[in-house]
Amino acid sequence: FVAASSRSWGSTIYADSVKGRFTISRDNAENTVYLQMNSLKPEDT
């Protein structure tokens, strides 16, 4: 598990290993979910 976004209120959860580095977001109008990954590490491969 990396991250998840619920349907309502923008609720999100993250794995401890990525918290603070990754951000999940969604654009319901575009039917798209994103995962912004910053400060990537080799272990993220």
ModelCIF file with pLDDT and N, C-alpha, C, O atoms, coordinates in Angstrom:
data_MODEL
#
_entry.id   MODEL 
#
_entity.id                         1 
_entity.type                       polymer 
_entity.pdbx_number_of_molecules   1 
#
_entity_poly.entity_id                      1 
_entity_poly.type                           'polypeptide(L)' 
_entity_poly.nstd_linkage                   no 
_entity_poly.nstd_monomer                   no 
_entity_poly.pdbx_seq_one_letter_code       FVAASSRSWGSTIYADSVKGRFTISRDNAENTVYLQMNSLKPEDT 
_entity_poly.pdbx_seq_one_letter_code_can   FVAASSRSWGSTIYADSVKGRFTISRDNAENTVYLQMNSLKPEDT 
_entity_poly.pdbx_strand_id                 A 
#
loop_
_entity_poly_seq.entity_id 
_entity_poly_seq.num 
_entity_poly_seq.mon_id 
_entity_poly_seq.hetero 
1 1  PHE n 
1 2  VAL n 
1 3  ALA n 
1 4  ALA n 
1 5  SER n 
1 6  SER n 
1 7  ARG n 
1 8  SER n 
1 9  TRP n 
1 10 GLY n 
1 11 SER n 
1 12 THR n 
1 13 ILE n 
1 14 TYR n 
1 15 ALA n 
1 16 ASP n 
1 17 SER n 
1 18 VAL n 
1 19 LYS n 
1 20 GLY n 
1 21 ARG n 
1 22 PHE n 
1 23 THR n 
1 24 ILE n 
1 25 SER n 
1 26 ARG n 
1 27 ASP n 
1 28 ASN n 
1 29 ALA n 
1 30 GLU n 
1 31 ASN n 
1 32 THR n 
1 33 VAL n 
1 34 TYR n 
1 35 LEU n 
1 36 GLN n 
1 37 MET n 
1 38 ASN n 
1 39 SER n 
1 40 LEU n 
1 41 LYS n 
1 42 PRO n 
1 43 GLU n 
1 44 ASP n 
1 45 THR n 
#
_struct_asym.id          A 
_struct_asym.entity_id   1 
#
loop_
_ma_qa_metric.id 
_ma_qa_metric.mode 
_ma_qa_metric.name 
_ma_qa_metric.software_group_id 
_ma_qa_metric.type 
1 global pLDDT . pLDDT 
2 local  pLDDT . pLDDT 
#
_ma_qa_metric_global.metric_id      1 
_ma_qa_metric_global.metric_value   92.51 
_ma_qa_metric_global.model_id       1 
_ma_qa_metric_global.ordinal_id     1 
#
loop_
_ma_qa_metric_local.label_asym_id 
_ma_qa_metric_local.label_comp_id 
_ma_qa_metric_local.label_seq_id 
_ma_qa_metric_local.metric_id 
_ma_qa_metric_local.metric_value 
_ma_qa_metric_local.model_id 
_ma_qa_metric_local.ordinal_id 
A PHE 1  2 98.00 1 1  
A VAL 2  2 98.00 1 2  
A ALA 3  2 97.00 1 3  
A ALA 4  2 96.00 1 4  
A SER 5  2 93.00 1 5  
A SER 6  2 87.00 1 6  
A ARG 7  2 71.00 1 7  
A SER 8  2 63.00 1 8  
A TRP 9  2 58.00 1 9  
A GLY 10 2 68.00 1 10 
A SER 11 2 88.00 1 11 
A THR 12 2 93.00 1 12 
A ILE 13 2 94.00 1 13 
A TYR 14 2 97.00 1 14 
A ALA 15 2 97.00 1 15 
A ASP 16 2 97.00 1 16 
A SER 17 2 97.00 1 17 
A VAL 18 2 98.00 1 18 
A LYS 19 2 97.00 1 19 
A GLY 20 2 97.00 1 20 
A ARG 21 2 98.00 1 21 
A PHE 22 2 98.00 1 22 
A THR 23 2 97.00 1 23 
A ILE 24 2 96.00 1 24 
A SER 25 2 94.00 1 25 
A ARG 26 2 90.00 1 26 
A ASP 27 2 89.00 1 27 
A ASN 28 2 82.00 1 28 
A ALA 29 2 88.00 1 29 
A GLU 30 2 92.00 1 30 
A ASN 31 2 93.00 1 31 
A THR 32 2 94.00 1 32 
A VAL 33 2 95.00 1 33 
A TYR 34 2 96.00 1 34 
A LEU 35 2 98.00 1 35 
A GLN 36 2 98.00 1 36 
A MET 37 2 98.00 1 37 
A ASN 38 2 98.00 1 38 
A SER 39 2 98.00 1 39 
A LEU 40 2 98.00 1 40 
A LYS 41 2 98.00 1 41 
A PRO 42 2 98.00 1 42 
A GLU 43 2 97.00 1 43 
A ASP 44 2 98.00 1 44 
A THR 45 2 98.00 1 45 
#
loop_
_atom_site.group_PDB 
_atom_site.id 
_atom_site.type_symbol 
_atom_site.label_atom_id 
_atom_site.label_alt_id 
_atom_site.label_comp_id 
_atom_site.label_asym_id 
_atom_site.label_entity_id 
_atom_site.label_seq_id 
_atom_site.pdbx_PDB_ins_code 
_atom_site.Cartn_x 
_atom_site.Cartn_y 
_atom_site.Cartn_z 
_atom_site.occupancy 
_atom_site.B_iso_or_equiv 
_atom_site.pdbx_formal_charge 
_atom_site.auth_seq_id 
_atom_site.auth_comp_id 
_atom_site.auth_asym_id 
_atom_site.auth_atom_id 
_atom_site.pdbx_PDB_model_num 
ATOM 1   N N  . PHE A 1 1  ? 0.823   -1.195 0.000   1.00 98.00 ? 1  PHE A N  1 
ATOM 2   C CA . PHE A 1 1  ? 0.000   0.000  0.000   1.00 98.00 ? 1  PHE A CA 1 
ATOM 3   C C  . PHE A 1 1  ? 0.862   1.252  0.000   1.00 98.00 ? 1  PHE A C  1 
ATOM 4   O O  . PHE A 1 1  ? 1.881   1.314  0.688   1.00 98.00 ? 1  PHE A O  1 
ATOM 5   N N  . VAL A 1 2  ? 0.451   2.245  -0.772  1.00 98.00 ? 2  VAL A N  1 
ATOM 6   C CA . VAL A 1 2  ? 1.155   3.519  -0.837  1.00 98.00 ? 2  VAL A CA 1 
ATOM 7   C C  . VAL A 1 2  ? 0.279   4.657  -0.330  1.00 98.00 ? 2  VAL A C  1 
ATOM 8   O O  . VAL A 1 2  ? 0.657   5.367  0.601   1.00 98.00 ? 2  VAL A O  1 
ATOM 9   N N  . ALA A 1 3  ? -0.889  4.830  -0.937  1.00 97.00 ? 3  ALA A N  1 
ATOM 10  C CA . ALA A 1 3  ? -1.763  5.943  -0.586  1.00 97.00 ? 3  ALA A CA 1 
ATOM 11  C C  . ALA A 1 3  ? -3.162  5.657  -1.098  1.00 97.00 ? 3  ALA A C  1 
ATOM 12  O O  . ALA A 1 3  ? -3.339  4.870  -2.029  1.00 97.00 ? 3  ALA A O  1 
ATOM 13  N N  . ALA A 1 4  ? -4.159  6.295  -0.492  1.00 96.00 ? 4  ALA A N  1 
ATOM 14  C CA . ALA A 1 4  ? -5.536  6.140  -0.928  1.00 96.00 ? 4  ALA A CA 1 
ATOM 15  C C  . ALA A 1 4  ? -6.304  7.419  -0.671  1.00 96.00 ? 4  ALA A C  1 
ATOM 16  O O  . ALA A 1 4  ? -5.979  8.194  0.229   1.00 96.00 ? 4  ALA A O  1 
ATOM 17  N N  . SER A 1 5  ? -7.328  7.623  -1.479  1.00 93.00 ? 5  SER A N  1 
ATOM 18  C CA . SER A 1 5  ? -8.203  8.776  -1.369  1.00 93.00 ? 5  SER A CA 1 
ATOM 19  C C  . SER A 1 5  ? -9.641  8.302  -1.379  1.00 93.00 ? 5  SER A C  1 
ATOM 20  O O  . SER A 1 5  ? -10.057 7.602  -2.303  1.00 93.00 ? 5  SER A O  1 
ATOM 21  N N  . SER A 1 6  ? -10.405 8.672  -0.367  1.00 87.00 ? 6  SER A N  1 
ATOM 22  C CA . SER A 1 6  ? -11.808 8.306  -0.306  1.00 87.00 ? 6  SER A CA 1 
ATOM 23  C C  . SER A 1 6  ? -12.629 9.195  -1.230  1.00 87.00 ? 6  SER A C  1 
ATOM 24  O O  . SER A 1 6  ? -12.129 10.180 -1.773  1.00 87.00 ? 6  SER A O  1 
ATOM 25  N N  . ARG A 1 7  ? -13.880 8.836  -1.396  1.00 71.00 ? 7  ARG A N  1 
ATOM 26  C CA . ARG A 1 7  ? -14.727 9.553  -2.340  1.00 71.00 ? 7  ARG A CA 1 
ATOM 27  C C  . ARG A 1 7  ? -14.990 10.988 -1.905  1.00 71.00 ? 7  ARG A C  1 
ATOM 28  O O  . ARG A 1 7  ? -14.999 11.900 -2.731  1.00 71.00 ? 7  ARG A O  1 
ATOM 29  N N  . SER A 1 8  ? -15.203 11.186 -0.612  1.00 63.00 ? 8  SER A N  1 
ATOM 30  C CA . SER A 1 8  ? -15.689 12.461 -0.104  1.00 63.00 ? 8  SER A CA 1 
ATOM 31  C C  . SER A 1 8  ? -14.665 13.159 0.769   1.00 63.00 ? 8  SER A C  1 
ATOM 32  O O  . SER A 1 8  ? -13.834 12.521 1.415   1.00 63.00 ? 8  SER A O  1 
ATOM 33  N N  . TRP A 1 9  ? -14.740 14.449 0.776   1.00 58.00 ? 9  TRP A N  1 
ATOM 34  C CA . TRP A 1 9  ? -14.018 15.323 1.703   1.00 58.00 ? 9  TRP A CA 1 
ATOM 35  C C  . TRP A 1 9  ? -12.515 15.313 1.532   1.00 58.00 ? 9  TRP A C  1 
ATOM 36  O O  . TRP A 1 9  ? -11.796 15.854 2.373   1.00 58.00 ? 9  TRP A O  1 
ATOM 37  N N  . GLY A 1 10 ? -12.027 14.716 0.470   1.00 68.00 ? 10 GLY A N  1 
ATOM 38  C CA . GLY A 1 10 ? -10.602 14.679 0.252   1.00 68.00 ? 10 GLY A CA 1 
ATOM 39  C C  . GLY A 1 10 ? -9.816  13.898 1.283   1.00 68.00 ? 10 GLY A C  1 
ATOM 40  O O  . GLY A 1 10 ? -8.628  14.156 1.472   1.00 68.00 ? 10 GLY A O  1 
ATOM 41  N N  . SER A 1 11 ? -10.447 12.956 1.952   1.00 88.00 ? 11 SER A N  1 
ATOM 42  C CA . SER A 1 11 ? -9.765  12.156 2.965   1.00 88.00 ? 11 SER A CA 1 
ATOM 43  C C  . SER A 1 11 ? -8.699  11.293 2.315   1.00 88.00 ? 11 SER A C  1 
ATOM 44  O O  . SER A 1 11 ? -8.938  10.650 1.292   1.00 88.00 ? 11 SER A O  1 
ATOM 45  N N  . THR A 1 12 ? -7.524  11.287 2.918   1.00 93.00 ? 12 THR A N  1 
ATOM 46  C CA . THR A 1 12 ? -6.404  10.532 2.383   1.00 93.00 ? 12 THR A CA 1 
ATOM 47  C C  . THR A 1 12 ? -5.694  9.769  3.483   1.00 93.00 ? 12 THR A C  1 
ATOM 48  O O  . THR A 1 12 ? -5.716  10.172 4.646   1.00 93.00 ? 12 THR A O  1 
ATOM 49  N N  . ILE A 1 13 ? -5.065  8.662  3.109   1.00 94.00 ? 13 ILE A N  1 
ATOM 50  C CA . ILE A 1 13 ? -4.218  7.900  4.005   1.00 94.00 ? 13 ILE A CA 1 
ATOM 51  C C  . ILE A 1 13 ? -2.937  7.545  3.259   1.00 94.00 ? 13 ILE A C  1 
ATOM 52  O O  . ILE A 1 13 ? -2.923  7.449  2.032   1.00 94.00 ? 13 ILE A O  1 
ATOM 53  N N  . TYR A 1 14 ? -1.856  7.351  4.025   1.00 97.00 ? 14 TYR A N  1 
ATOM 54  C CA . TYR A 1 14 ? -0.557  7.080  3.448   1.00 97.00 ? 14 TYR A CA 1 
ATOM 55  C C  . TYR A 1 14 ? 0.168   6.003  4.225   1.00 97.00 ? 14 TYR A C  1 
ATOM 56  O O  . TYR A 1 14 ? -0.012  5.859  5.434   1.00 97.00 ? 14 TYR A O  1 
ATOM 57  N N  . ALA A 1 15 ? 0.986   5.252  3.515   1.00 97.00 ? 15 ALA A N  1 
ATOM 58  C CA . ALA A 1 15 ? 1.921   4.370  4.181   1.00 97.00 ? 15 ALA A CA 1 
ATOM 59  C C  . ALA A 1 15 ? 2.976   5.195  4.899   1.00 97.00 ? 15 ALA A C  1 
ATOM 60  O O  . ALA A 1 15 ? 3.352   6.275  4.444   1.00 97.00 ? 15 ALA A O  1 
ATOM 61  N N  . ASP A 1 16 ? 3.448   4.675  6.023   1.00 97.00 ? 16 ASP A N  1 
ATOM 62  C CA . ASP A 1 16 ? 4.463   5.401  6.780   1.00 97.00 ? 16 ASP A CA 1 
ATOM 63  C C  . ASP A 1 16 ? 5.714   5.661  5.948   1.00 97.00 ? 16 ASP A C  1 
ATOM 64  O O  . ASP A 1 16 ? 6.384   6.677  6.131   1.00 97.00 ? 16 ASP A O  1 
ATOM 65  N N  . SER A 1 17 ? 6.028   4.755  5.044   1.00 97.00 ? 17 SER A N  1 
ATOM 66  C CA . SER A 1 17 ? 7.245   4.864  4.265   1.00 97.00 ? 17 SER A CA 1 
ATOM 67  C C  . SER A 1 17 ? 7.233   6.032  3.284   1.00 97.00 ? 17 SER A C  1 
ATOM 68  O O  . SER A 1 17 ? 8.290   6.460  2.820   1.00 97.00 ? 17 SER A O  1 
ATOM 69  N N  . VAL A 1 18 ? 6.049   6.552  2.964   1.00 98.00 ? 18 VAL A N  1 
ATOM 70  C CA . VAL A 1 18 ? 5.953   7.638  1.993   1.00 98.00 ? 18 VAL A CA 1 
ATOM 71  C C  . VAL A 1 18 ? 5.349   8.901  2.575   1.00 98.00 ? 18 VAL A C  1 
ATOM 72  O O  . VAL A 1 18 ? 5.326   9.934  1.907   1.00 98.00 ? 18 VAL A O  1 
ATOM 73  N N  . LYS A 1 19 ? 4.865   8.843  3.788   1.00 97.00 ? 19 LYS A N  1 
ATOM 74  C CA . LYS A 1 19 ? 4.219   9.997  4.404   1.00 97.00 ? 19 LYS A CA 1 
ATOM 75  C C  . LYS A 1 19 ? 5.192   11.172 4.464   1.00 97.00 ? 19 LYS A C  1 
ATOM 76  O O  . LYS A 1 19 ? 6.340   11.031 4.886   1.00 97.00 ? 19 LYS A O  1 
ATOM 77  N N  . GLY A 1 20 ? 4.709   12.322 4.035   1.00 97.00 ? 20 GLY A N  1 
ATOM 78  C CA . GLY A 1 20 ? 5.542   13.508 3.988   1.00 97.00 ? 20 GLY A CA 1 
ATOM 79  C C  . GLY A 1 20 ? 6.275   13.696 2.683   1.00 97.00 ? 20 GLY A C  1 
ATOM 80  O O  . GLY A 1 20 ? 6.789   14.782 2.418   1.00 97.00 ? 20 GLY A O  1 
ATOM 81  N N  . ARG A 1 21 ? 6.336   12.664 1.859   1.00 98.00 ? 21 ARG A N  1 
ATOM 82  C CA . ARG A 1 21 ? 7.002   12.747 0.562   1.00 98.00 ? 21 ARG A CA 1 
ATOM 83  C C  . ARG A 1 21 ? 6.023   12.622 -0.604  1.00 98.00 ? 21 ARG A C  1 
ATOM 84  O O  . ARG A 1 21 ? 6.187   13.279 -1.632  1.00 98.00 ? 21 ARG A O  1 
ATOM 85  N N  . PHE A 1 22 ? 5.012   11.784 -0.441  1.00 98.00 ? 22 PHE A N  1 
ATOM 86  C CA . PHE A 1 22 ? 4.044   11.530 -1.504  1.00 98.00 ? 22 PHE A CA 1 
ATOM 87  C C  . PHE A 1 22 ? 2.718   12.198 -1.166  1.00 98.00 ? 22 PHE A C  1 
ATOM 88  O O  . PHE A 1 22 ? 2.362   12.335 0.005   1.00 98.00 ? 22 PHE A O  1 
ATOM 89  N N  . THR A 1 23 ? 1.994   12.611 -2.196  1.00 97.00 ? 23 THR A N  1 
ATOM 90  C CA . THR A 1 23 ? 0.681   13.204 -2.030  1.00 97.00 ? 23 THR A CA 1 
ATOM 91  C C  . THR A 1 23 ? -0.270  12.629 -3.061  1.00 97.00 ? 23 THR A C  1 
ATOM 92  O O  . THR A 1 23 ? 0.007   12.662 -4.260  1.00 97.00 ? 23 THR A O  1 
ATOM 93  N N  . ILE A 1 24 ? -1.394  12.102 -2.592  1.00 96.00 ? 24 ILE A N  1 
ATOM 94  C CA . ILE A 1 24 ? -2.433  11.640 -3.495  1.00 96.00 ? 24 ILE A CA 1 
ATOM 95  C C  . ILE A 1 24 ? -3.484  12.733 -3.629  1.00 96.00 ? 24 ILE A C  1 
ATOM 96  O O  . ILE A 1 24 ? -3.842  13.389 -2.651  1.00 96.00 ? 24 ILE A O  1 
ATOM 97  N N  . SER A 1 25 ? -3.968  12.919 -4.837  1.00 94.00 ? 25 SER A N  1 
ATOM 98  C CA . SER A 1 25 ? -5.021  13.884 -5.084  1.00 94.00 ? 25 SER A CA 1 
ATOM 99  C C  . SER A 1 25 ? -5.910  13.361 -6.196  1.00 94.00 ? 25 SER A C  1 
ATOM 100 O O  . SER A 1 25 ? -5.536  12.444 -6.927  1.00 94.00 ? 25 SER A O  1 
ATOM 101 N N  . ARG A 1 26 ? -7.073  13.944 -6.316  1.00 90.00 ? 26 ARG A N  1 
ATOM 102 C CA . ARG A 1 26 ? -7.991  13.505 -7.357  1.00 90.00 ? 26 ARG A CA 1 
ATOM 103 C C  . ARG A 1 26 ? -8.722  14.686 -7.949  1.00 90.00 ? 26 ARG A C  1 
ATOM 104 O O  . ARG A 1 26 ? -8.987  15.681 -7.274  1.00 90.00 ? 26 ARG A O  1 
ATOM 105 N N  . ASP A 1 27 ? -9.040  14.557 -9.216  1.00 89.00 ? 27 ASP A N  1 
ATOM 106 C CA . ASP A 1 27 ? -9.822  15.532 -9.941  1.00 89.00 ? 27 ASP A CA 1 
ATOM 107 C C  . ASP A 1 27 ? -11.047 14.801 -10.456 1.00 89.00 ? 27 ASP A C  1 
ATOM 108 O O  . ASP A 1 27 ? -10.991 14.132 -11.488 1.00 89.00 ? 27 ASP A O  1 
ATOM 109 N N  . ASN A 1 28 ? -12.147 14.927 -9.743  1.00 82.00 ? 28 ASN A N  1 
ATOM 110 C CA . ASN A 1 28 ? -13.344 14.177 -10.104 1.00 82.00 ? 28 ASN A CA 1 
ATOM 111 C C  . ASN A 1 28 ? -13.897 14.599 -11.460 1.00 82.00 ? 28 ASN A C  1 
ATOM 112 O O  . ASN A 1 28 ? -14.444 13.774 -12.192 1.00 82.00 ? 28 ASN A O  1 
ATOM 113 N N  . ALA A 1 29 ? -13.757 15.876 -11.798 1.00 88.00 ? 29 ALA A N  1 
ATOM 114 C CA . ALA A 1 29 ? -14.230 16.346 -13.095 1.00 88.00 ? 29 ALA A CA 1 
ATOM 115 C C  . ALA A 1 29 ? -13.439 15.726 -14.240 1.00 88.00 ? 29 ALA A C  1 
ATOM 116 O O  . ALA A 1 29 ? -13.972 15.521 -15.331 1.00 88.00 ? 29 ALA A O  1 
ATOM 117 N N  . GLU A 1 30 ? -12.165 15.427 -13.989 1.00 92.00 ? 30 GLU A N  1 
ATOM 118 C CA . GLU A 1 30 ? -11.297 14.836 -14.996 1.00 92.00 ? 30 GLU A CA 1 
ATOM 119 C C  . GLU A 1 30 ? -11.230 13.322 -14.881 1.00 92.00 ? 30 GLU A C  1 
ATOM 120 O O  . GLU A 1 30 ? -10.595 12.672 -15.711 1.00 92.00 ? 30 GLU A O  1 
ATOM 121 N N  . ASN A 1 31 ? -11.867 12.749 -13.876 1.00 93.00 ? 31 ASN A N  1 
ATOM 122 C CA . ASN A 1 31 ? -11.830 11.303 -13.631 1.00 93.00 ? 31 ASN A CA 1 
ATOM 123 C C  . ASN A 1 31 ? -10.397 10.798 -13.508 1.00 93.00 ? 31 ASN A C  1 
ATOM 124 O O  . ASN A 1 31 ? -10.044 9.754  -14.057 1.00 93.00 ? 31 ASN A O  1 
ATOM 125 N N  . THR A 1 32 ? -9.590  11.543 -12.790 1.00 94.00 ? 32 THR A N  1 
ATOM 126 C CA . THR A 1 32 ? -8.170  11.236 -12.685 1.00 94.00 ? 32 THR A CA 1 
ATOM 127 C C  . THR A 1 32 ? -7.706  11.337 -11.237 1.00 94.00 ? 32 THR A C  1 
ATOM 128 O O  . THR A 1 32 ? -8.099  12.241 -10.501 1.00 94.00 ? 32 THR A O  1 
ATOM 129 N N  . VAL A 1 33 ? -6.863  10.390 -10.850 1.00 95.00 ? 33 VAL A N  1 
ATOM 130 C CA . VAL A 1 33 ? -6.205  10.438 -9.560  1.00 95.00 ? 33 VAL A CA 1 
ATOM 131 C C  . VAL A 1 33 ? -4.705  10.555 -9.805  1.00 95.00 ? 33 VAL A C  1 
ATOM 132 O O  . VAL A 1 33 ? -4.176  9.978  -10.755 1.00 95.00 ? 33 VAL A O  1 
ATOM 133 N N  . TYR A 1 34 ? -4.028  11.300 -8.949  1.00 96.00 ? 34 TYR A N  1 
ATOM 134 C CA . TYR A 1 34 ? -2.608  11.567 -9.099  1.00 96.00 ? 34 TYR A CA 1 
ATOM 135 C C  . TYR A 1 34 ? -1.840  11.088 -7.877  1.00 96.00 ? 34 TYR A C  1 
ATOM 136 O O  . TYR A 1 34 ? -2.380  10.993 -6.775  1.00 96.00 ? 34 TYR A O  1 
ATOM 137 N N  . LEU A 1 35 ? -0.590  10.793 -8.097  1.00 98.00 ? 35 LEU A N  1 
ATOM 138 C CA . LEU A 1 35 ? 0.338   10.535 -7.006  1.00 98.00 ? 35 LEU A CA 1 
ATOM 139 C C  . LEU A 1 35 ? 1.581   11.375 -7.251  1.00 98.00 ? 35 LEU A C  1 
ATOM 140 O O  . LEU A 1 35 ? 2.393   11.066 -8.123  1.00 98.00 ? 35 LEU A O  1 
ATOM 141 N N  . GLN A 1 36 ? 1.718   12.433 -6.474  1.00 98.00 ? 36 GLN A N  1 
ATOM 142 C CA . GLN A 1 36 ? 2.902   13.275 -6.538  1.00 98.00 ? 36 GLN A CA 1 
ATOM 143 C C  . GLN A 1 36 ? 3.961   12.674 -5.634  1.00 98.00 ? 36 GLN A C  1 
ATOM 144 O O  . GLN A 1 36 ? 3.734   12.507 -4.435  1.00 98.00 ? 36 GLN A O  1 
ATOM 145 N N  . MET A 1 37 ? 5.110   12.351 -6.194  1.00 98.00 ? 37 MET A N  1 
ATOM 146 C CA . MET A 1 37 ? 6.179   11.698 -5.462  1.00 98.00 ? 37 MET A CA 1 
ATOM 147 C C  . MET A 1 37 ? 7.390   12.616 -5.442  1.00 98.00 ? 37 MET A C  1 
ATOM 148 O O  . MET A 1 37 ? 7.978   12.903 -6.485  1.00 98.00 ? 37 MET A O  1 
ATOM 149 N N  . ASN A 1 38 ? 7.755   13.071 -4.266  1.00 98.00 ? 38 ASN A N  1 
ATOM 150 C CA . ASN A 1 38 ? 8.906   13.937 -4.079  1.00 98.00 ? 38 ASN A CA 1 
ATOM 151 C C  . ASN A 1 38 ? 9.984   13.218 -3.282  1.00 98.00 ? 38 ASN A C  1 
ATOM 152 O O  . ASN A 1 38 ? 9.723   12.215 -2.617  1.00 98.00 ? 38 ASN A O  1 
ATOM 153 N N  . SER A 1 39 ? 11.187  13.743 -3.361  1.00 98.00 ? 39 SER A N  1 
ATOM 154 C CA . SER A 1 39 ? 12.319  13.188 -2.609  1.00 98.00 ? 39 SER A CA 1 
ATOM 155 C C  . SER A 1 39 ? 12.428  11.688 -2.788  1.00 98.00 ? 39 SER A C  1 
ATOM 156 O O  . SER A 1 39 ? 12.555  10.943 -1.817  1.00 98.00 ? 39 SER A O  1 
ATOM 157 N N  . LEU A 1 40 ? 12.378  11.259 -4.015  1.00 98.00 ? 40 LEU A N  1 
ATOM 158 C CA . LEU A 1 40 ? 12.373  9.830  -4.305  1.00 98.00 ? 40 LEU A CA 1 
ATOM 159 C C  . LEU A 1 40 ? 13.666  9.163  -3.866  1.00 98.00 ? 40 LEU A C  1 
ATOM 160 O O  . LEU A 1 40 ? 14.751  9.739  -3.944  1.00 98.00 ? 40 LEU A O  1 
ATOM 161 N N  . LYS A 1 41 ? 13.514  7.936  -3.404  1.00 98.00 ? 41 LYS A N  1 
ATOM 162 C CA . LYS A 1 41 ? 14.622  7.130  -2.925  1.00 98.00 ? 41 LYS A CA 1 
ATOM 163 C C  . LYS A 1 41 ? 14.719  5.855  -3.754  1.00 98.00 ? 41 LYS A C  1 
ATOM 164 O O  . LYS A 1 41 ? 13.729  5.430  -4.349  1.00 98.00 ? 41 LYS A O  1 
ATOM 165 N N  . PRO A 1 42 ? 15.894  5.244  -3.802  1.00 98.00 ? 42 PRO A N  1 
ATOM 166 C CA . PRO A 1 42 ? 16.001  3.969  -4.522  1.00 98.00 ? 42 PRO A CA 1 
ATOM 167 C C  . PRO A 1 42 ? 15.005  2.920  -4.037  1.00 98.00 ? 42 PRO A C  1 
ATOM 168 O O  . PRO A 1 42 ? 14.549  2.098  -4.833  1.00 98.00 ? 42 PRO A O  1 
ATOM 169 N N  . GLU A 1 43 ? 14.664  2.928  -2.765  1.00 97.00 ? 43 GLU A N  1 
ATOM 170 C CA . GLU A 1 43 ? 13.707  1.974  -2.227  1.00 97.00 ? 43 GLU A CA 1 
ATOM 171 C C  . GLU A 1 43 ? 12.292  2.194  -2.734  1.00 97.00 ? 43 GLU A C  1 
ATOM 172 O O  . GLU A 1 43 ? 11.425  1.345  -2.528  1.00 97.00 ? 43 GLU A O  1 
ATOM 173 N N  . ASP A 1 44 ? 12.044  3.317  -3.393  1.00 98.00 ? 44 ASP A N  1 
ATOM 174 C CA . ASP A 1 44 ? 10.749  3.557  -4.020  1.00 98.00 ? 44 ASP A CA 1 
ATOM 175 C C  . ASP A 1 44 ? 10.617  2.861  -5.372  1.00 98.00 ? 44 ASP A C  1 
ATOM 176 O O  . ASP A 1 44 ? 9.536   2.855  -5.962  1.00 98.00 ? 44 ASP A O  1 
ATOM 177 N N  . THR A 1 45 ? 11.691  2.283  -5.861  1.00 98.00 ? 45 THR A N  1 
ATOM 178 C CA . THR A 1 45 ? 11.661  1.598  -7.141  1.00 98.00 ? 45 THR A CA 1 
ATOM 179 C C  . THR A 1 45 ? 10.675  0.445  -7.098  1.00 98.00 ? 45 THR A C  1 
ATOM 180 O O  . THR A 1 45 ? 10.506  -0.260 -8.092  1.00 98.00 ? 45 THR A O  1 
#
